[in-house]
N, C-alpha and C. Protein backbone atom coordinates (compact mmCIF):
# COMPACT_ATOMS: atom_id res chain seq x y z
N MET A 1 -160.43 -131.79 -196.36
CA MET A 1 -159.73 -132.65 -197.28
C MET A 1 -158.25 -131.93 -197.68
N LYS A 2 -157.44 -132.68 -197.39
CA LYS A 2 -156.08 -132.36 -197.72
C LYS A 2 -155.58 -132.37 -199.11
N GLN A 3 -154.82 -131.24 -199.46
CA GLN A 3 -154.40 -131.12 -200.83
C GLN A 3 -153.00 -131.46 -201.30
N ALA A 4 -152.65 -132.25 -202.06
CA ALA A 4 -151.46 -132.41 -202.92
C ALA A 4 -151.37 -131.58 -203.96
N ILE A 5 -150.14 -130.88 -204.07
CA ILE A 5 -150.07 -130.09 -205.54
C ILE A 5 -148.86 -130.64 -206.20
N PHE A 6 -148.90 -131.23 -207.32
CA PHE A 6 -148.08 -131.90 -208.29
C PHE A 6 -147.38 -130.68 -208.98
N LEU A 7 -146.08 -130.37 -208.92
CA LEU A 7 -145.60 -129.25 -209.96
C LEU A 7 -145.07 -130.02 -211.13
N LEU A 8 -145.74 -129.91 -212.39
CA LEU A 8 -145.35 -130.52 -213.49
C LEU A 8 -144.85 -129.43 -214.58
N LEU A 9 -143.63 -129.69 -214.93
CA LEU A 9 -143.00 -128.74 -216.19
C LEU A 9 -142.92 -129.55 -217.46
N ASP A 10 -142.75 -128.93 -218.66
CA ASP A 10 -142.87 -129.59 -219.76
C ASP A 10 -141.67 -130.49 -219.66
N GLU A 11 -141.88 -131.73 -220.38
CA GLU A 11 -140.89 -133.00 -220.42
C GLU A 11 -140.80 -133.33 -218.85
N TYR A 12 -142.05 -133.34 -218.21
CA TYR A 12 -141.93 -133.95 -216.84
C TYR A 12 -141.70 -135.52 -216.90
N ALA A 13 -141.21 -136.43 -215.81
CA ALA A 13 -141.18 -137.48 -215.92
C ALA A 13 -142.27 -138.39 -215.46
N ASP A 14 -143.36 -138.66 -216.31
CA ASP A 14 -144.74 -139.01 -215.85
C ASP A 14 -144.68 -140.20 -214.82
N TRP A 15 -143.83 -141.46 -215.07
CA TRP A 15 -143.57 -142.51 -214.11
C TRP A 15 -143.29 -142.13 -213.07
N GLU A 16 -142.67 -141.17 -212.49
CA GLU A 16 -142.27 -140.62 -211.15
C GLU A 16 -143.57 -140.01 -210.43
N ALA A 17 -144.57 -139.77 -211.03
CA ALA A 17 -145.83 -139.39 -210.42
C ALA A 17 -146.84 -140.24 -210.11
N ALA A 18 -146.76 -141.49 -210.91
CA ALA A 18 -147.95 -142.12 -211.05
C ALA A 18 -148.32 -142.98 -209.78
N TYR A 19 -147.37 -143.56 -209.12
CA TYR A 19 -147.77 -144.16 -207.57
C TYR A 19 -148.10 -143.50 -206.70
N LEU A 20 -147.41 -142.45 -206.61
CA LEU A 20 -147.79 -141.48 -205.46
C LEU A 20 -148.97 -140.74 -205.47
N SER A 21 -149.11 -140.30 -206.95
CA SER A 21 -150.59 -139.51 -207.09
C SER A 21 -151.80 -140.40 -207.12
N ALA A 22 -151.67 -141.70 -207.57
CA ALA A 22 -152.79 -142.61 -207.45
C ALA A 22 -153.18 -143.13 -206.05
N THR A 23 -152.19 -143.20 -205.56
CA THR A 23 -152.14 -143.63 -203.97
C THR A 23 -152.98 -142.64 -203.21
N LEU A 24 -152.45 -141.29 -203.31
CA LEU A 24 -153.00 -140.12 -202.37
C LEU A 24 -154.50 -139.92 -203.04
N ASN A 25 -154.67 -139.80 -204.27
CA ASN A 25 -156.03 -139.53 -204.64
C ASN A 25 -156.98 -140.58 -204.37
N GLU A 26 -156.93 -141.60 -204.18
CA GLU A 26 -157.85 -142.87 -203.91
C GLU A 26 -157.91 -143.07 -202.29
N GLY A 27 -157.17 -141.77 -201.60
CA GLY A 27 -157.37 -141.91 -200.22
C GLY A 27 -158.55 -140.94 -199.95
N ARG A 28 -158.92 -141.33 -198.84
CA ARG A 28 -160.35 -140.58 -198.11
C ARG A 28 -160.08 -139.10 -198.00
N GLU A 29 -159.00 -139.04 -197.52
CA GLU A 29 -158.55 -137.60 -196.90
C GLU A 29 -157.80 -136.61 -197.89
N TRP A 30 -157.34 -137.11 -198.75
CA TRP A 30 -156.58 -136.44 -199.78
C TRP A 30 -157.31 -135.91 -201.37
N THR A 31 -156.99 -135.07 -202.02
CA THR A 31 -157.11 -134.75 -203.32
C THR A 31 -155.72 -134.27 -204.20
N VAL A 32 -155.78 -134.67 -205.19
CA VAL A 32 -154.44 -134.37 -206.06
C VAL A 32 -154.83 -133.35 -207.05
N ARG A 33 -153.85 -132.37 -207.33
CA ARG A 33 -154.07 -131.31 -208.20
C ARG A 33 -152.57 -131.06 -208.59
N THR A 34 -152.86 -130.58 -210.24
CA THR A 34 -151.44 -130.15 -210.85
C THR A 34 -151.24 -128.57 -210.88
N ILE A 35 -149.93 -128.55 -211.04
CA ILE A 35 -149.95 -126.94 -210.96
C ILE A 35 -148.47 -126.60 -212.13
N SER A 36 -148.33 -125.24 -212.67
CA SER A 36 -147.36 -125.31 -213.56
C SER A 36 -147.05 -123.93 -214.01
N LEU A 37 -146.29 -123.44 -214.67
CA LEU A 37 -146.26 -122.38 -215.14
C LEU A 37 -147.07 -121.80 -216.48
N HIS A 38 -147.56 -123.22 -217.07
CA HIS A 38 -148.55 -122.63 -218.28
C HIS A 38 -150.02 -123.93 -218.11
N ASP A 39 -150.93 -123.39 -218.79
CA ASP A 39 -152.07 -124.15 -218.83
C ASP A 39 -151.75 -125.66 -219.08
N HIS A 40 -150.90 -126.12 -220.15
CA HIS A 40 -150.70 -127.43 -220.59
C HIS A 40 -149.29 -127.67 -220.47
N VAL A 41 -148.93 -128.89 -220.42
CA VAL A 41 -147.32 -129.31 -220.43
C VAL A 41 -147.58 -130.77 -221.01
N THR A 42 -146.66 -131.30 -221.41
CA THR A 42 -146.48 -132.69 -222.09
C THR A 42 -145.25 -133.23 -221.27
N SER A 43 -145.71 -134.49 -220.98
CA SER A 43 -144.66 -135.56 -220.36
C SER A 43 -143.56 -136.18 -221.30
N ILE A 44 -142.29 -136.63 -220.87
CA ILE A 44 -141.34 -137.33 -221.40
C ILE A 44 -142.32 -138.43 -222.18
N GLY A 45 -143.13 -138.95 -221.70
CA GLY A 45 -143.78 -140.14 -222.35
C GLY A 45 -145.04 -139.67 -223.46
N GLY A 46 -144.93 -138.43 -223.49
CA GLY A 46 -145.98 -137.89 -224.63
C GLY A 46 -147.53 -137.54 -224.15
N PHE A 47 -147.66 -137.64 -222.62
CA PHE A 47 -148.97 -137.31 -222.07
C PHE A 47 -149.27 -135.92 -222.34
N LYS A 48 -150.23 -135.47 -222.73
CA LYS A 48 -150.35 -133.98 -222.93
C LYS A 48 -151.32 -133.54 -221.76
N THR A 49 -150.80 -132.60 -220.74
CA THR A 49 -151.76 -132.51 -219.56
C THR A 49 -151.97 -130.98 -219.39
N GLU A 50 -153.37 -131.03 -218.99
CA GLU A 50 -153.98 -129.83 -218.72
C GLU A 50 -153.95 -129.48 -217.26
N VAL A 51 -153.20 -128.38 -216.87
CA VAL A 51 -152.91 -128.56 -215.30
C VAL A 51 -154.05 -127.92 -214.74
N ASP A 52 -154.37 -127.99 -213.30
CA ASP A 52 -155.24 -127.31 -212.55
C ASP A 52 -154.81 -125.80 -212.20
N TYR A 53 -153.90 -125.64 -211.88
CA TYR A 53 -153.65 -124.19 -211.69
C TYR A 53 -152.39 -123.88 -212.04
N ARG A 54 -152.22 -122.65 -212.48
CA ARG A 54 -150.99 -121.70 -212.73
C ARG A 54 -150.38 -121.30 -211.48
N ILE A 55 -148.82 -121.37 -211.45
CA ILE A 55 -148.25 -121.00 -210.23
C ILE A 55 -148.49 -119.87 -209.64
N SER A 56 -148.81 -118.76 -210.25
CA SER A 56 -149.05 -117.39 -210.11
C SER A 56 -150.43 -117.23 -209.38
N GLY A 57 -151.17 -118.34 -209.16
CA GLY A 57 -152.51 -118.32 -208.55
C GLY A 57 -152.76 -119.36 -207.89
N HIS A 58 -151.89 -119.92 -206.99
CA HIS A 58 -152.00 -121.39 -206.43
C HIS A 58 -152.82 -121.36 -205.27
N PRO A 59 -153.47 -122.21 -205.03
CA PRO A 59 -154.55 -122.38 -203.77
C PRO A 59 -153.54 -122.89 -202.35
N SER A 60 -154.13 -123.00 -201.42
CA SER A 60 -153.30 -123.49 -200.19
C SER A 60 -153.09 -125.08 -200.31
N PHE A 61 -152.04 -125.50 -199.90
CA PHE A 61 -151.62 -127.28 -200.05
C PHE A 61 -151.00 -127.73 -198.97
N ASP A 62 -151.26 -128.72 -198.68
CA ASP A 62 -150.67 -129.69 -197.54
C ASP A 62 -149.39 -130.49 -197.90
N LEU A 63 -149.29 -130.47 -199.13
CA LEU A 63 -147.89 -131.40 -199.59
C LEU A 63 -147.61 -130.75 -201.00
N LEU A 64 -146.44 -130.43 -201.21
CA LEU A 64 -146.04 -130.06 -202.83
C LEU A 64 -144.79 -131.12 -203.08
N VAL A 65 -145.22 -131.67 -204.17
CA VAL A 65 -144.52 -132.61 -204.85
C VAL A 65 -144.08 -132.16 -206.31
N LEU A 66 -142.36 -132.22 -206.30
CA LEU A 66 -142.00 -131.54 -207.33
C LEU A 66 -141.39 -132.96 -208.38
N ILE A 67 -142.16 -132.93 -209.34
CA ILE A 67 -141.77 -134.26 -210.32
C ILE A 67 -140.81 -133.78 -211.24
N GLY A 68 -139.75 -134.67 -211.48
CA GLY A 68 -138.51 -134.41 -212.18
C GLY A 68 -138.92 -134.50 -213.61
N GLY A 69 -137.93 -134.57 -214.24
CA GLY A 69 -137.81 -134.14 -216.00
C GLY A 69 -136.61 -133.46 -216.52
N ASN A 70 -137.01 -133.23 -217.58
CA ASN A 70 -135.71 -132.53 -218.60
C ASN A 70 -135.66 -131.13 -218.48
N THR A 71 -136.55 -130.34 -217.64
CA THR A 71 -136.73 -128.91 -217.75
C THR A 71 -136.21 -128.26 -216.43
N TRP A 72 -135.70 -128.96 -215.55
CA TRP A 72 -135.51 -128.19 -214.22
C TRP A 72 -134.33 -127.19 -213.88
N ASP A 73 -133.68 -127.16 -215.26
CA ASP A 73 -132.55 -126.12 -215.10
C ASP A 73 -133.15 -124.86 -215.25
N ILE A 74 -134.53 -124.50 -215.07
CA ILE A 74 -135.24 -123.46 -215.24
C ILE A 74 -135.09 -122.42 -214.25
N GLU A 75 -135.01 -121.04 -214.67
CA GLU A 75 -134.93 -119.82 -213.92
C GLU A 75 -136.38 -119.37 -213.77
N SER A 76 -136.97 -119.17 -212.85
CA SER A 76 -138.21 -118.89 -212.56
C SER A 76 -138.56 -118.24 -211.12
N ASP A 77 -138.83 -117.10 -211.13
CA ASP A 77 -139.03 -116.32 -209.65
C ASP A 77 -140.36 -117.00 -209.32
N ASP A 78 -141.46 -117.70 -210.05
CA ASP A 78 -142.54 -118.12 -209.44
C ASP A 78 -142.54 -119.14 -208.81
N ILE A 79 -141.26 -120.13 -209.61
CA ILE A 79 -141.05 -121.50 -209.02
C ILE A 79 -140.54 -121.30 -207.86
N PHE A 80 -139.36 -120.53 -207.74
CA PHE A 80 -138.72 -120.39 -206.33
C PHE A 80 -139.64 -119.75 -205.34
N ASN A 81 -140.52 -118.89 -205.59
CA ASN A 81 -141.31 -118.28 -204.51
C ASN A 81 -142.15 -119.71 -204.21
N LEU A 82 -142.81 -120.36 -204.78
CA LEU A 82 -143.49 -121.47 -204.42
C LEU A 82 -143.03 -122.41 -203.51
N VAL A 83 -141.62 -122.87 -203.95
CA VAL A 83 -140.98 -123.82 -203.21
C VAL A 83 -140.52 -123.15 -201.89
N ASP A 84 -139.89 -121.84 -202.02
CA ASP A 84 -139.69 -121.05 -200.70
C ASP A 84 -140.76 -121.18 -199.81
N GLU A 85 -141.87 -120.77 -200.43
CA GLU A 85 -142.96 -120.77 -199.45
C GLU A 85 -143.28 -121.91 -198.74
N ALA A 86 -143.18 -123.39 -199.45
CA ALA A 86 -143.42 -124.46 -198.88
C ALA A 86 -142.26 -124.70 -197.65
N PHE A 87 -141.20 -124.48 -197.95
CA PHE A 87 -139.92 -124.62 -197.03
C PHE A 87 -140.16 -123.68 -195.68
N SER A 88 -140.43 -122.35 -195.88
CA SER A 88 -140.67 -121.40 -195.05
C SER A 88 -141.90 -121.99 -194.05
N LYS A 89 -142.91 -122.29 -194.49
CA LYS A 89 -143.90 -122.77 -193.83
C LYS A 89 -143.72 -124.25 -193.20
N ASN A 90 -142.71 -125.01 -193.48
CA ASN A 90 -142.64 -126.43 -193.04
C ASN A 90 -143.62 -127.47 -193.66
N THR A 91 -144.07 -126.93 -194.70
CA THR A 91 -144.97 -127.93 -195.34
C THR A 91 -144.38 -128.87 -196.08
N PRO A 92 -144.88 -130.29 -195.87
CA PRO A 92 -144.00 -131.26 -196.52
C PRO A 92 -143.97 -131.10 -197.88
N VAL A 93 -142.67 -131.55 -198.42
CA VAL A 93 -142.41 -131.43 -199.84
C VAL A 93 -141.55 -132.82 -200.30
N GLY A 94 -142.05 -133.02 -201.58
CA GLY A 94 -141.37 -134.41 -202.15
C GLY A 94 -140.73 -133.78 -203.35
N ALA A 95 -139.50 -134.38 -203.52
CA ALA A 95 -138.86 -133.92 -205.07
C ALA A 95 -138.13 -135.26 -205.44
N ILE A 96 -138.29 -135.50 -206.69
CA ILE A 96 -137.63 -136.71 -207.30
C ILE A 96 -136.93 -136.28 -208.78
N CYS A 97 -135.49 -136.91 -208.81
CA CYS A 97 -135.01 -136.55 -209.93
C CYS A 97 -134.69 -135.02 -210.19
N GLY A 98 -134.78 -134.51 -211.53
CA GLY A 98 -134.44 -133.36 -211.82
C GLY A 98 -134.94 -132.19 -210.81
N ALA A 99 -135.88 -132.61 -210.24
CA ALA A 99 -136.41 -131.47 -209.10
C ALA A 99 -135.37 -131.43 -207.88
N VAL A 100 -134.78 -132.47 -207.75
CA VAL A 100 -133.99 -132.44 -206.52
C VAL A 100 -132.57 -131.62 -207.05
N ASP A 101 -132.38 -131.79 -208.23
CA ASP A 101 -131.33 -130.82 -208.89
C ASP A 101 -131.58 -129.35 -208.53
N TYR A 102 -132.95 -128.96 -209.04
CA TYR A 102 -133.20 -127.57 -208.61
C TYR A 102 -133.25 -127.33 -207.26
N LEU A 103 -133.71 -128.21 -206.18
CA LEU A 103 -133.44 -127.80 -204.91
C LEU A 103 -132.19 -127.55 -204.46
N ALA A 104 -131.19 -128.46 -204.96
CA ALA A 104 -129.78 -128.32 -204.58
C ALA A 104 -129.30 -127.08 -205.24
N LYS A 105 -129.49 -126.57 -206.60
CA LYS A 105 -128.65 -125.43 -206.92
C LYS A 105 -129.38 -124.24 -206.45
N ASN A 106 -130.45 -124.18 -205.88
CA ASN A 106 -130.83 -122.89 -205.08
C ASN A 106 -130.97 -123.02 -203.56
N GLY A 107 -130.10 -124.13 -202.96
CA GLY A 107 -130.03 -123.99 -201.66
C GLY A 107 -131.04 -124.51 -200.83
N PHE A 108 -131.64 -125.39 -201.13
CA PHE A 108 -133.00 -125.72 -200.44
C PHE A 108 -132.55 -126.79 -199.63
N LEU A 109 -131.66 -127.78 -200.07
CA LEU A 109 -131.24 -128.74 -199.51
C LEU A 109 -129.89 -128.87 -198.41
N ASN A 110 -129.56 -127.87 -198.18
CA ASN A 110 -128.35 -127.62 -197.35
C ASN A 110 -128.72 -128.15 -195.60
N HIS A 111 -129.73 -127.86 -195.30
CA HIS A 111 -130.17 -128.29 -193.86
C HIS A 111 -130.83 -129.69 -193.96
N PHE A 112 -130.80 -130.36 -194.84
CA PHE A 112 -131.54 -131.73 -194.69
C PHE A 112 -130.61 -132.89 -195.23
N LYS A 113 -130.87 -134.00 -194.69
CA LYS A 113 -130.16 -135.30 -195.05
C LYS A 113 -130.93 -135.42 -196.52
N HIS A 114 -130.23 -135.71 -197.72
CA HIS A 114 -130.90 -135.85 -198.87
C HIS A 114 -130.16 -136.98 -199.96
N THR A 115 -130.72 -137.07 -200.95
CA THR A 115 -130.05 -137.82 -201.99
C THR A 115 -130.86 -137.16 -203.22
N GLY A 116 -130.24 -137.68 -204.43
CA GLY A 116 -130.82 -137.38 -205.68
C GLY A 116 -130.27 -138.11 -206.71
N ASN A 117 -129.89 -137.66 -208.08
CA ASN A 117 -129.49 -138.41 -209.17
C ASN A 117 -127.97 -138.68 -208.81
N SER A 118 -127.25 -137.31 -208.72
CA SER A 118 -125.83 -137.42 -208.47
C SER A 118 -125.39 -136.28 -207.82
N ALA A 119 -124.68 -136.38 -206.61
CA ALA A 119 -123.91 -135.18 -205.95
C ALA A 119 -122.94 -134.49 -207.11
N TYR A 120 -122.24 -135.39 -207.93
CA TYR A 120 -121.43 -134.92 -209.24
C TYR A 120 -122.10 -133.82 -209.83
N LEU A 121 -123.10 -133.84 -210.18
CA LEU A 121 -123.79 -132.97 -211.00
C LEU A 121 -124.09 -131.48 -210.31
N TRP A 122 -123.87 -131.60 -209.09
CA TRP A 122 -124.02 -130.29 -208.08
C TRP A 122 -122.73 -129.88 -207.90
N GLN A 123 -121.54 -130.21 -208.18
CA GLN A 123 -120.58 -129.79 -207.54
C GLN A 123 -120.11 -128.26 -207.89
N ASN A 124 -120.71 -127.62 -208.87
CA ASN A 124 -120.50 -126.21 -209.40
C ASN A 124 -121.64 -125.50 -208.83
N TYR A 125 -122.66 -126.05 -208.08
CA TYR A 125 -123.74 -124.94 -207.70
C TYR A 125 -123.03 -124.32 -206.35
N GLU A 126 -123.22 -123.00 -206.46
CA GLU A 126 -122.65 -122.10 -205.33
C GLU A 126 -123.74 -122.19 -204.16
N ASN A 127 -125.03 -122.40 -204.32
CA ASN A 127 -125.73 -122.11 -203.31
C ASN A 127 -126.02 -123.84 -202.46
N TYR A 128 -125.27 -124.67 -203.01
CA TYR A 128 -125.23 -126.05 -202.41
C TYR A 128 -124.06 -126.19 -201.27
N ASN A 129 -124.44 -126.02 -200.08
CA ASN A 129 -123.38 -126.17 -199.13
C ASN A 129 -124.05 -126.90 -197.98
N PRO A 130 -124.07 -128.29 -198.43
CA PRO A 130 -124.92 -128.95 -197.20
C PRO A 130 -124.14 -129.40 -196.03
N GLU A 131 -125.07 -129.47 -195.05
CA GLU A 131 -124.39 -129.59 -193.65
C GLU A 131 -124.18 -130.96 -193.41
N VAL A 132 -125.05 -131.98 -194.48
CA VAL A 132 -124.70 -133.46 -194.46
C VAL A 132 -124.46 -133.82 -195.61
N GLU A 133 -123.65 -134.77 -195.94
CA GLU A 133 -123.27 -135.04 -197.40
C GLU A 133 -124.34 -135.86 -197.74
N PHE A 134 -124.07 -135.82 -199.25
CA PHE A 134 -125.00 -136.74 -200.26
C PHE A 134 -125.20 -138.06 -199.70
N MET A 135 -126.47 -138.30 -199.82
CA MET A 135 -126.43 -139.91 -199.27
C MET A 135 -126.78 -140.83 -200.69
N GLU A 136 -126.12 -141.64 -200.93
CA GLU A 136 -126.09 -142.51 -202.17
C GLU A 136 -127.43 -143.78 -201.57
N GLU A 137 -128.30 -143.18 -201.79
CA GLU A 137 -129.75 -144.10 -201.49
C GLU A 137 -130.76 -143.60 -202.71
N GLN A 138 -131.69 -144.63 -202.66
CA GLN A 138 -132.72 -144.60 -203.61
C GLN A 138 -133.61 -143.19 -203.28
N ALA A 139 -133.90 -143.31 -202.16
CA ALA A 139 -134.75 -142.08 -201.48
C ALA A 139 -134.37 -141.71 -199.99
N VAL A 140 -134.67 -140.63 -199.76
CA VAL A 140 -134.23 -140.17 -198.28
C VAL A 140 -135.47 -139.37 -197.55
N LYS A 141 -135.77 -139.59 -196.47
CA LYS A 141 -136.67 -138.68 -195.60
C LYS A 141 -135.99 -138.06 -194.54
N ASP A 142 -135.97 -136.62 -194.45
CA ASP A 142 -135.66 -136.05 -193.35
C ASP A 142 -136.47 -134.84 -192.98
N LYS A 143 -137.05 -134.78 -191.81
CA LYS A 143 -138.20 -133.80 -191.29
C LYS A 143 -139.17 -133.87 -192.32
N ASN A 144 -139.40 -132.49 -192.89
CA ASN A 144 -140.66 -132.50 -194.02
C ASN A 144 -140.32 -132.62 -195.34
N LEU A 145 -139.21 -133.29 -195.99
CA LEU A 145 -138.68 -133.31 -197.06
C LEU A 145 -138.50 -134.85 -197.45
N VAL A 146 -138.89 -135.14 -198.64
CA VAL A 146 -138.37 -136.64 -199.13
C VAL A 146 -137.65 -136.16 -200.53
N THR A 147 -136.53 -136.73 -200.57
CA THR A 147 -135.86 -136.63 -201.99
C THR A 147 -135.64 -137.98 -202.75
N ALA A 148 -135.47 -138.09 -203.78
CA ALA A 148 -135.23 -139.53 -204.51
C ALA A 148 -134.63 -139.28 -205.99
N ASN A 149 -134.01 -140.14 -206.16
CA ASN A 149 -133.61 -140.40 -207.73
C ASN A 149 -134.57 -140.61 -208.57
N GLY A 150 -133.98 -140.44 -209.99
CA GLY A 150 -135.18 -140.84 -210.87
C GLY A 150 -135.49 -142.37 -211.37
N THR A 151 -135.00 -143.26 -210.56
CA THR A 151 -135.08 -144.49 -210.59
C THR A 151 -136.06 -145.19 -209.17
N ALA A 152 -136.35 -144.12 -208.47
CA ALA A 152 -137.03 -144.38 -207.34
C ALA A 152 -138.49 -143.99 -207.15
N PRO A 153 -139.46 -144.25 -208.01
CA PRO A 153 -140.73 -143.72 -207.68
C PRO A 153 -141.29 -144.56 -206.68
N ILE A 154 -141.19 -145.97 -206.73
CA ILE A 154 -141.85 -146.64 -205.41
C ILE A 154 -141.08 -146.05 -204.17
N GLU A 155 -139.93 -146.01 -203.95
CA GLU A 155 -139.31 -145.75 -202.56
C GLU A 155 -139.70 -144.31 -202.35
N PHE A 156 -139.73 -143.47 -203.32
CA PHE A 156 -140.46 -142.00 -203.22
C PHE A 156 -141.73 -142.13 -202.50
N THR A 157 -142.54 -142.89 -203.19
CA THR A 157 -143.95 -142.98 -202.73
C THR A 157 -143.96 -143.41 -201.18
N GLU A 158 -143.31 -144.60 -200.96
CA GLU A 158 -143.45 -144.90 -199.55
C GLU A 158 -142.93 -143.86 -198.82
N LEU A 159 -141.97 -143.31 -198.91
CA LEU A 159 -141.67 -142.20 -197.78
C LEU A 159 -142.45 -140.95 -197.78
N VAL A 160 -142.82 -140.53 -198.91
CA VAL A 160 -143.93 -139.36 -199.01
C VAL A 160 -145.02 -139.73 -198.12
N LEU A 161 -145.59 -140.95 -198.16
CA LEU A 161 -147.00 -141.66 -197.71
C LEU A 161 -146.46 -141.30 -196.13
N GLN A 162 -145.24 -141.99 -195.86
CA GLN A 162 -145.02 -142.04 -194.50
C GLN A 162 -145.01 -140.52 -193.94
N MET A 163 -144.35 -139.66 -194.57
CA MET A 163 -143.89 -138.41 -194.22
C MET A 163 -145.26 -137.66 -194.04
N VAL A 164 -146.27 -137.79 -194.75
CA VAL A 164 -147.63 -136.92 -194.41
C VAL A 164 -148.68 -137.84 -193.69
N ASN A 165 -148.20 -138.94 -192.98
CA ASN A 165 -149.17 -140.05 -192.25
C ASN A 165 -150.40 -140.26 -193.12
N PHE A 166 -150.03 -140.86 -194.33
CA PHE A 166 -151.05 -141.23 -194.91
C PHE A 166 -152.14 -142.37 -194.67
N ASP A 167 -151.35 -143.18 -193.84
CA ASP A 167 -152.08 -144.45 -193.42
C ASP A 167 -151.21 -144.97 -192.28
N THR A 168 -151.63 -145.99 -191.52
CA THR A 168 -150.66 -146.99 -190.58
C THR A 168 -149.51 -147.30 -191.36
N ALA A 169 -148.54 -147.60 -190.79
CA ALA A 169 -147.15 -148.08 -191.29
C ALA A 169 -147.56 -149.32 -192.07
N GLU A 170 -148.36 -150.28 -191.41
CA GLU A 170 -148.70 -151.52 -191.75
C GLU A 170 -149.39 -151.44 -193.20
N GLU A 171 -150.36 -150.45 -193.36
CA GLU A 171 -151.00 -150.42 -194.66
C GLU A 171 -150.27 -149.86 -195.48
N ILE A 172 -149.19 -148.82 -195.21
CA ILE A 172 -148.43 -148.28 -196.30
C ILE A 172 -147.45 -149.42 -196.74
N GLU A 173 -146.94 -150.31 -195.67
CA GLU A 173 -146.13 -151.48 -196.24
C GLU A 173 -146.85 -152.28 -197.23
N LYS A 174 -148.06 -152.65 -196.99
CA LYS A 174 -148.92 -153.50 -197.82
C LYS A 174 -149.01 -152.79 -199.21
N THR A 175 -149.32 -151.50 -199.24
CA THR A 175 -149.42 -151.14 -200.73
C THR A 175 -148.29 -150.81 -201.61
N MET A 176 -147.28 -150.77 -200.60
CA MET A 176 -145.97 -150.54 -201.33
C MET A 176 -145.45 -152.36 -201.74
N TYR A 177 -145.93 -153.31 -201.10
CA TYR A 177 -145.31 -154.87 -201.49
C TYR A 177 -146.24 -155.08 -202.67
N MET A 178 -147.40 -154.64 -202.88
CA MET A 178 -148.14 -154.54 -204.01
C MET A 178 -147.43 -154.10 -205.17
N TYR A 179 -146.96 -152.84 -205.21
CA TYR A 179 -146.41 -152.05 -205.99
C TYR A 179 -144.92 -152.90 -206.58
N ARG A 180 -144.14 -153.42 -205.57
CA ARG A 180 -142.78 -154.05 -205.63
C ARG A 180 -143.05 -155.21 -206.29
N TYR A 181 -143.91 -156.15 -205.63
CA TYR A 181 -144.03 -157.40 -206.21
C TYR A 181 -145.18 -157.96 -207.14
N GLY A 182 -145.85 -157.04 -207.07
CA GLY A 182 -147.33 -157.65 -208.08
C GLY A 182 -148.45 -158.31 -207.28
N PHE A 183 -149.39 -158.40 -207.78
CA PHE A 183 -150.67 -158.79 -207.06
C PHE A 183 -150.39 -160.09 -206.46
N TYR A 184 -149.97 -161.10 -207.45
CA TYR A 184 -150.12 -162.62 -206.88
C TYR A 184 -149.08 -162.90 -205.63
N GLU A 185 -148.06 -162.10 -205.62
CA GLU A 185 -147.13 -162.33 -204.55
C GLU A 185 -147.66 -161.63 -203.44
N TYR A 186 -148.47 -160.45 -203.56
CA TYR A 186 -149.17 -159.94 -202.37
C TYR A 186 -150.27 -160.73 -201.77
N VAL A 187 -151.02 -161.53 -203.00
CA VAL A 187 -152.13 -162.57 -202.28
C VAL A 187 -151.50 -163.48 -201.69
N GLU A 188 -150.08 -164.08 -202.06
CA GLU A 188 -149.69 -165.17 -201.35
C GLU A 188 -149.24 -164.60 -199.98
N LYS A 189 -148.81 -163.37 -199.74
CA LYS A 189 -148.22 -163.20 -198.37
C LYS A 189 -149.42 -162.29 -197.67
N TYR A 190 -150.36 -161.69 -198.16
CA TYR A 190 -151.46 -161.13 -197.19
C TYR A 190 -153.07 -161.62 -197.55
N GLY A 191 -153.04 -162.15 -198.55
CA GLY A 191 -154.46 -162.60 -199.02
C GLY A 191 -154.97 -161.67 -199.73
N ASN A 192 -155.99 -162.26 -200.66
CA ASN A 192 -156.85 -161.50 -201.60
C ASN A 192 -157.22 -160.30 -201.10
N PRO A 193 -157.04 -159.05 -201.50
CA PRO A 193 -157.79 -157.87 -200.69
C PRO A 193 -159.04 -157.63 -201.45
N TYR A 194 -159.55 -158.37 -202.50
CA TYR A 194 -160.92 -158.22 -203.20
C TYR A 194 -161.79 -159.12 -202.81
N LEU A 195 -161.58 -160.03 -201.58
CA LEU A 195 -162.55 -161.21 -201.37
C LEU A 195 -162.98 -160.60 -200.19
């Protein structure tokens, strides 16, 4: 069983995790777990979440997902070491919203095509020296990294699923069509999946 670890900080953006975590967790080959600096975190939407693992004692994982929010200006050796471990091992990483800001600030984006909320926010980051300019797109996949802005949870989900070869391209496309356009348009295009 492959394991996806979702890093959640206090005031995390719950909507940014929903499509991806639900899709992965319903798959036969994946399990989803949460990780943080503390045993409990609260989302921007007020969801109180008891996390599965503390960063200091994390298990092995096949995908690291960094969910955005209001507290990614954090200074933490534990978070840095976790992210650095994933990049060093070429483990797939997905980052959205404020989590991409964190990657930029700490120099993790320099060798990847990437996007985020705004390159303007990063102009004073000493460690942000990209080989490829910021791309003004909802989400970008390059090698083992997917980045997205905070308004792109569906695009983020699609590219992460592609990155980890979650399913065939056709099945991923169908799943995303349902998320984007809803059940009735899905039925009109692909038929009723429940019959």
